[in-house]
Amino acid sequence: MDKELLQSTVSKVLDEMRQWPIPLGVSNRHIHLSAQDYERLFPGHPISEKKALLQPGQYAAEQTVTLVGPKGQLKNVRLLGPLRSVSQVE
């Protein structure tokens, strides 16, 4: 295959691919909490939505936590909502 034909073919394929954008969201460290765990950490305070995420119905909350483990601390870990059936750190 000659170079010009290859470049033309690649350009056509890329043009076709650009017609179907794929949404991509990247989330650094975050936490999902169950209702029970949320109430333990933030008693009597409702979740405050900070920013909607790409996934419908999902959002980053104003609330953050500090995670403490054997190797130290991770500060300002963002809570993602809505609340889940089980708590999870990612």
PDB file of N, CA and C in Angstrom:
ATOM      1  N   MET A   1       0.862  -1.172   0.000  1.00  0.00           N
ATOM      2  CA  MET A   1       0.000   0.000   0.000  1.00  0.00           C
ATOM      3  C   MET A   1       0.902   1.227   0.000  1.00  0.00           C
ATOM      4  N   ASP A   2       0.629   2.164  -0.900  1.00  0.00           N
ATOM      5  CA  ASP A   2       1.489   3.341  -0.938  1.00  0.00           C
ATOM      6  C   ASP A   2       1.108   4.330   0.164  1.00  0.00           C
ATOM      7  N   LYS A   3       2.005   5.241   0.424  1.00  0.00           N
ATOM      8  CA  LYS A   3       1.868   6.168   1.542  1.00  0.00           C
ATOM      9  C   LYS A   3       0.633   7.054   1.408  1.00  0.00           C
ATOM     10  N   GLU A   4       0.352   7.563   0.215  1.00  0.00           N
ATOM     11  CA  GLU A   4      -0.805   8.445   0.008  1.00  0.00           C
ATOM     12  C   GLU A   4      -2.111   7.706   0.250  1.00  0.00           C
ATOM     13  N   LEU A   5      -2.221   6.472  -0.238  1.00  0.00           N
ATOM     14  CA  LEU A   5      -3.428   5.679  -0.029  1.00  0.00           C
ATOM     15  C   LEU A   5      -3.617   5.385   1.463  1.00  0.00           C
ATOM     16  N   LEU A   6      -2.542   5.081   2.145  1.00  0.00           N
ATOM     17  CA  LEU A   6      -2.611   4.816   3.581  1.00  0.00           C
ATOM     18  C   LEU A   6      -3.077   6.057   4.343  1.00  0.00           C
ATOM     19  N   GLN A   7      -2.506   7.209   4.035  1.00  0.00           N
ATOM     20  CA  GLN A   7      -2.907   8.452   4.698  1.00  0.00           C
ATOM     21  C   GLN A   7      -4.369   8.776   4.417  1.00  0.00           C
ATOM     22  N   SER A   8      -4.803   8.575   3.194  1.00  0.00           N
ATOM     23  CA  SER A   8      -6.195   8.832   2.826  1.00  0.00           C
ATOM     24  C   SER A   8      -7.141   7.907   3.587  1.00  0.00           C
ATOM     25  N   THR A   9      -6.782   6.636   3.664  1.00  0.00           N
ATOM     26  CA  THR A   9      -7.617   5.661   4.369  1.00  0.00           C
ATOM     27  C   THR A   9      -7.706   5.996   5.856  1.00  0.00           C
ATOM     28  N   VAL A  10      -6.585   6.314   6.467  1.00  0.00           N
ATOM     29  CA  VAL A  10      -6.573   6.668   7.891  1.00  0.00           C
ATOM     30  C   VAL A  10      -7.411   7.920   8.129  1.00  0.00           C
ATOM     31  N   SER A  11      -7.298   8.915   7.264  1.00  0.00           N
ATOM     32  CA  SER A  11      -8.087  10.143   7.405  1.00  0.00           C
ATOM     33  C   SER A  11      -9.580   9.859   7.334  1.00  0.00           C
ATOM     34  N   LYS A  12      -9.993   8.995   6.413  1.00  0.00           N
ATOM     35  CA  LYS A  12     -11.412   8.652   6.286  1.00  0.00           C
ATOM     36  C   LYS A  12     -11.923   7.940   7.541  1.00  0.00           C
ATOM     37  N   VAL A  13     -11.137   7.016   8.041  1.00  0.00           N
ATOM     38  CA  VAL A  13     -11.541   6.283   9.248  1.00  0.00           C
ATOM     39  C   VAL A  13     -11.652   7.241  10.435  1.00  0.00           C
ATOM     40  N   LEU A  14     -10.689   8.135  10.591  1.00  0.00           N
ATOM     41  CA  LEU A  14     -10.737   9.094  11.693  1.00  0.00           C
ATOM     42  C   LEU A  14     -11.931  10.030  11.570  1.00  0.00           C
ATOM     43  N   ASP A  15     -12.244  10.474  10.361  1.00  0.00           N
ATOM     44  CA  ASP A  15     -13.419  11.324  10.153  1.00  0.00           C
ATOM     45  C   ASP A  15     -14.694  10.603  10.564  1.00  0.00           C
ATOM     46  N   GLU A  16     -14.799   9.322  10.229  1.00  0.00           N
ATOM     47  CA  GLU A  16     -15.977   8.542  10.619  1.00  0.00           C
ATOM     48  C   GLU A  16     -16.047   8.377  12.135  1.00  0.00           C
ATOM     49  N   MET A  17     -14.914   8.136  12.761  1.00  0.00           N
ATOM     50  CA  MET A  17     -14.897   7.938  14.213  1.00  0.00           C
ATOM     51  C   MET A  17     -15.294   9.205  14.963  1.00  0.00           C
ATOM     52  N   ARG A  18     -14.958  10.357  14.437  1.00  0.00           N
ATOM     53  CA  ARG A  18     -15.278  11.627  15.104  1.00  0.00           C
ATOM     54  C   ARG A  18     -16.776  11.909  15.113  1.00  0.00           C
ATOM     55  N   GLN A  19     -17.536  11.216  14.291  1.00  0.00           N
ATOM     56  CA  GLN A  19     -18.982  11.424  14.250  1.00  0.00           C
ATOM     57  C   GLN A  19     -19.664  10.805  15.467  1.00  0.00           C
ATOM     58  N   TRP A  20     -19.000   9.922  16.168  1.00  0.00           N
ATOM     59  CA  TRP A  20     -19.581   9.257  17.335  1.00  0.00           C
ATOM     60  C   TRP A  20     -18.709   9.518  18.556  1.00  0.00           C
ATOM     61  N   PRO A  21     -18.816  10.712  19.123  1.00  0.00           N
ATOM     62  CA  PRO A  21     -17.977  10.997  20.288  1.00  0.00           C
ATOM     63  C   PRO A  21     -18.348  10.100  21.471  1.00  0.00           C
ATOM     64  N   ILE A  22     -17.368   9.754  22.232  1.00  0.00           N
ATOM     65  CA  ILE A  22     -17.567   8.922  23.418  1.00  0.00           C
ATOM     66  C   ILE A  22     -17.294   9.787  24.642  1.00  0.00           C
ATOM     67  N   PRO A  23     -18.326  10.024  25.477  1.00  0.00           N
ATOM     68  CA  PRO A  23     -18.082  10.832  26.678  1.00  0.00           C
ATOM     69  C   PRO A  23     -17.144  10.097  27.625  1.00  0.00           C
ATOM     70  N   LEU A  24     -16.240  10.835  28.198  1.00  0.00           N
ATOM     71  CA  LEU A  24     -15.251  10.246  29.091  1.00  0.00           C
ATOM     72  C   LEU A  24     -15.148  11.112  30.333  1.00  0.00           C
ATOM     73  N   GLY A  25     -15.260  10.502  31.474  1.00  0.00           N
ATOM     74  CA  GLY A  25     -15.107  11.221  32.732  1.00  0.00           C
ATOM     75  C   GLY A  25     -14.031  10.562  33.568  1.00  0.00           C
ATOM     76  N   VAL A  26     -13.194  11.370  34.161  1.00  0.00           N
ATOM     77  CA  VAL A  26     -12.131  10.851  35.009  1.00  0.00           C
ATOM     78  C   VAL A  26     -12.368  11.378  36.415  1.00  0.00           C
ATOM     79  N   SER A  27     -12.341  10.494  37.352  1.00  0.00           N
ATOM     80  CA  SER A  27     -12.542  10.887  38.739  1.00  0.00           C
ATOM     81  C   SER A  27     -11.354  10.402  39.553  1.00  0.00           C
ATOM     82  N   ASN A  28     -10.711  11.338  40.217  1.00  0.00           N
ATOM     83  CA  ASN A  28      -9.605  10.948  41.093  1.00  0.00           C
ATOM     84  C   ASN A  28     -10.159  10.213  42.297  1.00  0.00           C
ATOM     85  N   ARG A  29      -9.482  10.245  43.371  1.00  0.00           N
ATOM     86  CA  ARG A  29      -9.947   9.565  44.581  1.00  0.00           C
ATOM     87  C   ARG A  29     -11.315  10.087  44.975  1.00  0.00           C
ATOM     88  N   HIS A  30     -12.196   9.156  45.309  1.00  0.00           N
ATOM     89  CA  HIS A  30     -13.528   9.538  45.767  1.00  0.00           C
ATOM     90  C   HIS A  30     -14.117   8.429  46.616  1.00  0.00           C
ATOM     91  N   ILE A  31     -15.239   8.738  47.247  1.00  0.00           N
ATOM     92  CA  ILE A  31     -15.888   7.784  48.130  1.00  0.00           C
ATOM     93  C   ILE A  31     -17.384   7.766  47.845  1.00  0.00           C
ATOM     94  N   HIS A  32     -17.958   6.579  47.923  1.00  0.00           N
ATOM     95  CA  HIS A  32     -19.408   6.393  47.874  1.00  0.00           C
ATOM     96  C   HIS A  32     -19.812   5.934  49.267  1.00  0.00           C
ATOM     97  N   LEU A  33     -20.860   6.507  49.818  1.00  0.00           N
ATOM     98  CA  LEU A  33     -21.284   6.131  51.162  1.00  0.00           C
ATOM     99  C   LEU A  33     -22.693   5.567  51.170  1.00  0.00           C
ATOM    100  N   SER A  34     -22.927   4.659  52.102  1.00  0.00           N
ATOM    101  CA  SER A  34     -24.288   4.194  52.367  1.00  0.00           C
ATOM    102  C   SER A  34     -24.976   5.271  53.206  1.00  0.00           C
ATOM    103  N   ALA A  35     -26.302   5.226  53.265  1.00  0.00           N
ATOM    104  CA  ALA A  35     -27.047   6.201  54.063  1.00  0.00           C
ATOM    105  C   ALA A  35     -26.634   6.123  55.532  1.00  0.00           C
ATOM    106  N   GLN A  36     -26.430   4.915  56.023  1.00  0.00           N
ATOM    107  CA  GLN A  36     -26.053   4.723  57.424  1.00  0.00           C
ATOM    108  C   GLN A  36     -24.679   5.344  57.710  1.00  0.00           C
ATOM    109  N   ASP A  37     -23.705   5.108  56.840  1.00  0.00           N
ATOM    110  CA  ASP A  37     -22.368   5.667  57.045  1.00  0.00           C
ATOM    111  C   ASP A  37     -22.369   7.183  56.869  1.00  0.00           C
ATOM    112  N   TYR A  38     -23.163   7.683  55.919  1.00  0.00           N
ATOM    113  CA  TYR A  38     -23.247   9.133  55.725  1.00  0.00           C
ATOM    114  C   TYR A  38     -23.766   9.802  56.997  1.00  0.00           C
ATOM    115  N   GLU A  39     -24.800   9.229  57.583  1.00  0.00           N
ATOM    116  CA  GLU A  39     -25.385   9.812  58.795  1.00  0.00           C
ATOM    117  C   GLU A  39     -24.386   9.786  59.959  1.00  0.00           C
ATOM    118  N   ARG A  40     -23.542   8.778  60.028  1.00  0.00           N
ATOM    119  CA  ARG A  40     -22.506   8.720  61.074  1.00  0.00           C
ATOM    120  C   ARG A  40     -21.481   9.842  60.898  1.00  0.00           C
ATOM    121  N   LEU A  41     -21.126  10.114  59.654  1.00  0.00           N
ATOM    122  CA  LEU A  41     -20.093  11.120  59.380  1.00  0.00           C
ATOM    123  C   LEU A  41     -20.629  12.545  59.358  1.00  0.00           C
ATOM    124  N   PHE A  42     -21.852  12.714  58.884  1.00  0.00           N
ATOM    125  CA  PHE A  42     -22.442  14.048  58.733  1.00  0.00           C
ATOM    126  C   PHE A  42     -23.843  14.069  59.352  1.00  0.00           C
ATOM    127  N   PRO A  43     -23.951  13.845  60.659  1.00  0.00           N
ATOM    128  CA  PRO A  43     -25.274  13.707  61.280  1.00  0.00           C
ATOM    129  C   PRO A  43     -26.145  14.949  61.094  1.00  0.00           C
ATOM    130  N   GLY A  44     -27.353  14.709  60.575  1.00  0.00           N
ATOM    131  CA  GLY A  44     -28.325  15.781  60.421  1.00  0.00           C
ATOM    132  C   GLY A  44     -28.075  16.745  59.279  1.00  0.00           C
ATOM    133  N   HIS A  45     -27.064  16.516  58.459  1.00  0.00           N
ATOM    134  CA  HIS A  45     -26.751  17.420  57.347  1.00  0.00           C
ATOM    135  C   HIS A  45     -27.071  16.741  56.016  1.00  0.00           C
ATOM    136  N   PRO A  46     -27.880  17.370  55.178  1.00  0.00           N
ATOM    137  CA  PRO A  46     -28.156  16.783  53.860  1.00  0.00           C
ATOM    138  C   PRO A  46     -26.927  16.887  52.950  1.00  0.00           C
ATOM    139  N   ILE A  47     -26.874  16.038  51.948  1.00  0.00           N
ATOM    140  CA  ILE A  47     -25.784  16.108  50.963  1.00  0.00           C
ATOM    141  C   ILE A  47     -25.969  17.369  50.128  1.00  0.00           C
ATOM    142  N   SER A  48     -24.897  18.109  49.927  1.00  0.00           N
ATOM    143  CA  SER A  48     -24.926  19.317  49.101  1.00  0.00           C
ATOM    144  C   SER A  48     -24.267  19.013  47.768  1.00  0.00           C
ATOM    145  N   GLU A  49     -25.033  19.130  46.687  1.00  0.00           N
ATOM    146  CA  GLU A  49     -24.488  18.850  45.356  1.00  0.00           C
ATOM    147  C   GLU A  49     -23.562  19.977  44.918  1.00  0.00           C
ATOM    148  N   LYS A  50     -22.347  19.619  44.527  1.00  0.00           N
ATOM    149  CA  LYS A  50     -21.362  20.592  44.041  1.00  0.00           C
ATOM    150  C   LYS A  50     -21.379  20.674  42.521  1.00  0.00           C
ATOM    151  N   LYS A  51     -21.376  19.496  41.856  1.00  0.00           N
ATOM    152  CA  LYS A  51     -21.277  19.479  40.397  1.00  0.00           C
ATOM    153  C   LYS A  51     -21.841  18.175  39.860  1.00  0.00           C
ATOM    154  N   ALA A  52     -22.626  18.267  38.801  1.00  0.00           N
ATOM    155  CA  ALA A  52     -23.157  17.070  38.145  1.00  0.00           C
ATOM    156  C   ALA A  52     -22.031  16.347  37.404  1.00  0.00           C
ATOM    157  N   LEU A  53     -22.103  15.022  37.398  1.00  0.00           N
ATOM    158  CA  LEU A  53     -21.138  14.205  36.664  1.00  0.00           C
ATOM    159  C   LEU A  53     -21.726  13.812  35.315  1.00  0.00           C
ATOM    160  N   LEU A  54     -20.920  13.208  34.465  1.00  0.00           N
ATOM    161  CA  LEU A  54     -21.399  12.795  33.146  1.00  0.00           C
ATOM    162  C   LEU A  54     -22.463  11.710  33.232  1.00  0.00           C
ATOM    163  N   GLN A  55     -22.387  10.847  34.239  1.00  0.00           N
ATOM    164  CA  GLN A  55     -23.379   9.794  34.392  1.00  0.00           C
ATOM    165  C   GLN A  55     -24.675  10.420  34.894  1.00  0.00           C
ATOM    166  N   PRO A  56     -25.790  10.159  34.218  1.00  0.00           N
ATOM    167  CA  PRO A  56     -27.065  10.755  34.639  1.00  0.00           C
ATOM    168  C   PRO A  56     -27.387  10.426  36.097  1.00  0.00           C
ATOM    169  N   GLY A  57     -27.769  11.445  36.845  1.00  0.00           N
ATOM    170  CA  GLY A  57     -28.151  11.270  38.236  1.00  0.00           C
ATOM    171  C   GLY A  57     -26.994  11.219  39.216  1.00  0.00           C
ATOM    172  N   GLN A  58     -25.769  11.243  38.736  1.00  0.00           N
ATOM    173  CA  GLN A  58     -24.586  11.177  39.599  1.00  0.00           C
ATOM    174  C   GLN A  58     -24.027  12.588  39.795  1.00  0.00           C
ATOM    175  N   TYR A  59     -23.431  12.842  40.948  1.00  0.00           N
ATOM    176  CA  TYR A  59     -22.878  14.164  41.214  1.00  0.00           C
ATOM    177  C   TYR A  59     -21.746  14.089  42.233  1.00  0.00           C
ATOM    178  N   ALA A  60     -20.902  15.103  42.189  1.00  0.00           N
ATOM    179  CA  ALA A  60     -19.883  15.295  43.218  1.00  0.00           C
ATOM    180  C   ALA A  60     -20.511  16.167  44.291  1.00  0.00           C
ATOM    181  N   ALA A  61     -20.343  15.781  45.532  1.00  0.00           N
ATOM    182  CA  ALA A  61     -20.919  16.530  46.648  1.00  0.00           C
ATOM    183  C   ALA A  61     -19.904  17.537  47.188  1.00  0.00           C
ATOM    184  N   GLU A  62     -20.402  18.502  47.924  1.00  0.00           N
ATOM    185  CA  GLU A  62     -19.520  19.454  48.608  1.00  0.00           C
ATOM    186  C   GLU A  62     -18.720  18.754  49.704  1.00  0.00           C
ATOM    187  N   GLN A  63     -19.295  17.714  50.291  1.00  0.00           N
ATOM    188  CA  GLN A  63     -18.677  17.041  51.422  1.00  0.00           C
ATOM    189  C   GLN A  63     -17.426  16.268  51.003  1.00  0.00           C
ATOM    190  N   THR A  64     -16.415  16.346  51.846  1.00  0.00           N
ATOM    191  CA  THR A  64     -15.187  15.573  51.672  1.00  0.00           C
ATOM    192  C   THR A  64     -14.847  14.893  52.996  1.00  0.00           C
ATOM    193  N   VAL A  65     -14.002  13.884  52.918  1.00  0.00           N
ATOM    194  CA  VAL A  65     -13.547  13.178  54.115  1.00  0.00           C
ATOM    195  C   VAL A  65     -12.029  13.042  54.056  1.00  0.00           C
ATOM    196  N   THR A  66     -11.441  12.728  55.185  1.00  0.00           N
ATOM    197  CA  THR A  66     -10.029  12.376  55.264  1.00  0.00           C
ATOM    198  C   THR A  66      -9.952  10.891  55.571  1.00  0.00           C
ATOM    199  N   LEU A  67      -9.276  10.149  54.729  1.00  0.00           N
ATOM    200  CA  LEU A  67      -9.099   8.716  54.940  1.00  0.00           C
ATOM    201  C   LEU A  67      -7.775   8.493  55.656  1.00  0.00           C
ATOM    202  N   VAL A  68      -7.793   7.685  56.699  1.00  0.00           N
ATOM    203  CA  VAL A  68      -6.599   7.425  57.498  1.00  0.00           C
ATOM    204  C   VAL A  68      -6.296   5.937  57.438  1.00  0.00           C
ATOM    205  N   GLY A  69      -5.054   5.616  57.101  1.00  0.00           N
ATOM    206  CA  GLY A  69      -4.637   4.222  57.022  1.00  0.00           C
ATOM    207  C   GLY A  69      -3.234   4.058  57.560  1.00  0.00           C
ATOM    208  N   PRO A  70      -2.693   2.852  57.474  1.00  0.00           N
ATOM    209  CA  PRO A  70      -1.366   2.578  58.029  1.00  0.00           C
ATOM    210  C   PRO A  70      -0.246   3.379  57.372  1.00  0.00           C
ATOM    211  N   LYS A  71      -0.445   3.828  56.140  1.00  0.00           N
ATOM    212  CA  LYS A  71       0.606   4.578  55.443  1.00  0.00           C
ATOM    213  C   LYS A  71       0.395   6.089  55.497  1.00  0.00           C
ATOM    214  N   GLY A  72      -0.640   6.540  56.204  1.00  0.00           N
ATOM    215  CA  GLY A  72      -0.860   7.977  56.308  1.00  0.00           C
ATOM    216  C   GLY A  72      -2.292   8.372  56.020  1.00  0.00           C
ATOM    217  N   GLN A  73      -2.455   9.605  55.530  1.00  0.00           N
ATOM    218  CA  GLN A  73      -3.778  10.178  55.304  1.00  0.00           C
ATOM    219  C   GLN A  73      -3.960  10.601  53.855  1.00  0.00           C
ATOM    220  N   LEU A  74      -5.204  10.514  53.398  1.00  0.00           N
ATOM    221  CA  LEU A  74      -5.620  11.116  52.132  1.00  0.00           C
ATOM    222  C   LEU A  74      -6.675  12.148  52.500  1.00  0.00           C
ATOM    223  N   LYS A  75      -6.349  13.411  52.312  1.00  0.00           N
ATOM    224  CA  LYS A  75      -7.261  14.487  52.695  1.00  0.00           C
ATOM    225  C   LYS A  75      -8.129  14.907  51.512  1.00  0.00           C
ATOM    226  N   ASN A  76      -9.274  15.472  51.833  1.00  0.00           N
ATOM    227  CA  ASN A  76     -10.203  16.042  50.848  1.00  0.00           C
ATOM    228  C   ASN A  76     -10.648  15.032  49.796  1.00  0.00           C
ATOM    229  N   VAL A  77     -10.997  13.834  50.228  1.00  0.00           N
ATOM    230  CA  VAL A  77     -11.527  12.819  49.320  1.00  0.00           C
ATOM    231  C   VAL A  77     -13.006  13.136  49.115  1.00  0.00           C
ATOM    232  N   ARG A  78     -13.391  13.377  47.882  1.00  0.00           N
ATOM    233  CA  ARG A  78     -14.733  13.858  47.541  1.00  0.00           C
ATOM    234  C   ARG A  78     -15.776  12.757  47.648  1.00  0.00           C
ATOM    235  N   LEU A  79     -16.927  13.100  48.213  1.00  0.00           N
ATOM    236  CA  LEU A  79     -18.079  12.209  48.254  1.00  0.00           C
ATOM    237  C   LEU A  79     -18.820  12.316  46.929  1.00  0.00           C
ATOM    238  N   LEU A  80     -19.152  11.172  46.333  1.00  0.00           N
ATOM    239  CA  LEU A  80     -19.984  11.159  45.136  1.00  0.00           C
ATOM    240  C   LEU A  80     -21.364  10.650  45.513  1.00  0.00           C
ATOM    241  N   GLY A  81     -22.377  11.264  44.952  1.00  0.00           N
ATOM    242  CA  GLY A  81     -23.756  10.879  45.250  1.00  0.00           C
ATOM    243  C   GLY A  81     -24.433  10.367  44.006  1.00  0.00           C
ATOM    244  N   PRO A  82     -25.584   9.786  44.177  1.00  0.00           N
ATOM    245  CA  PRO A  82     -26.348   9.661  45.415  1.00  0.00           C
ATOM    246  C   PRO A  82     -25.780   8.561  46.311  1.00  0.00           C
ATOM    247  N   LEU A  83     -26.381   8.443  47.500  1.00  0.00           N
ATOM    248  CA  LEU A  83     -25.944   7.421  48.445  1.00  0.00           C
ATOM    249  C   LEU A  83     -26.154   6.038  47.856  1.00  0.00           C
ATOM    250  N   ARG A  84     -25.351   5.092  48.287  1.00  0.00           N
ATOM    251  CA  ARG A  84     -25.380   3.722  47.764  1.00  0.00           C
ATOM    252  C   ARG A  84     -25.826   2.743  48.843  1.00  0.00           C
ATOM    253  N   SER A  85     -26.003   1.507  48.443  1.00  0.00           N
ATOM    254  CA  SER A  85     -26.390   0.478  49.415  1.00  0.00           C
ATOM    255  C   SER A  85     -25.208   0.073  50.296  1.00  0.00           C
ATOM    256  N   VAL A  86     -23.989   0.193  49.774  1.00  0.00           N
ATOM    257  CA  VAL A  86     -22.780  -0.092  50.554  1.00  0.00           C
ATOM    258  C   VAL A  86     -21.752   1.008  50.305  1.00  0.00           C
ATOM    259  N   SER A  87     -20.911   1.248  51.286  1.00  0.00           N
ATOM    260  CA  SER A  87     -19.862   2.260  51.153  1.00  0.00           C
ATOM    261  C   SER A  87     -18.677   1.677  50.394  1.00  0.00           C
ATOM    262  N   GLN A  88     -17.990   2.561  49.651  1.00  0.00           N
ATOM    263  CA  GLN A  88     -16.879   2.109  48.810  1.00  0.00           C
ATOM    264  C   GLN A  88     -15.925   3.267  48.584  1.00  0.00           C
ATOM    265  N   VAL A  89     -14.625   2.999  48.677  1.00  0.00           N
ATOM    266  CA  VAL A  89     -13.592   3.991  48.389  1.00  0.00           C
ATOM    267  C   VAL A  89     -12.939   3.623  47.071  1.00  0.00           C
ATOM    268  N   GLU A  90     -12.758   4.611  46.206  1.00  0.00           N
ATOM    269  CA  GLU A  90     -12.095   4.373  44.914  1.00  0.00           C
ATOM    270  C   GLU A  90     -10.986   5.384  44.725  1.00  0.00           C
TER     271      GLU A  90
END
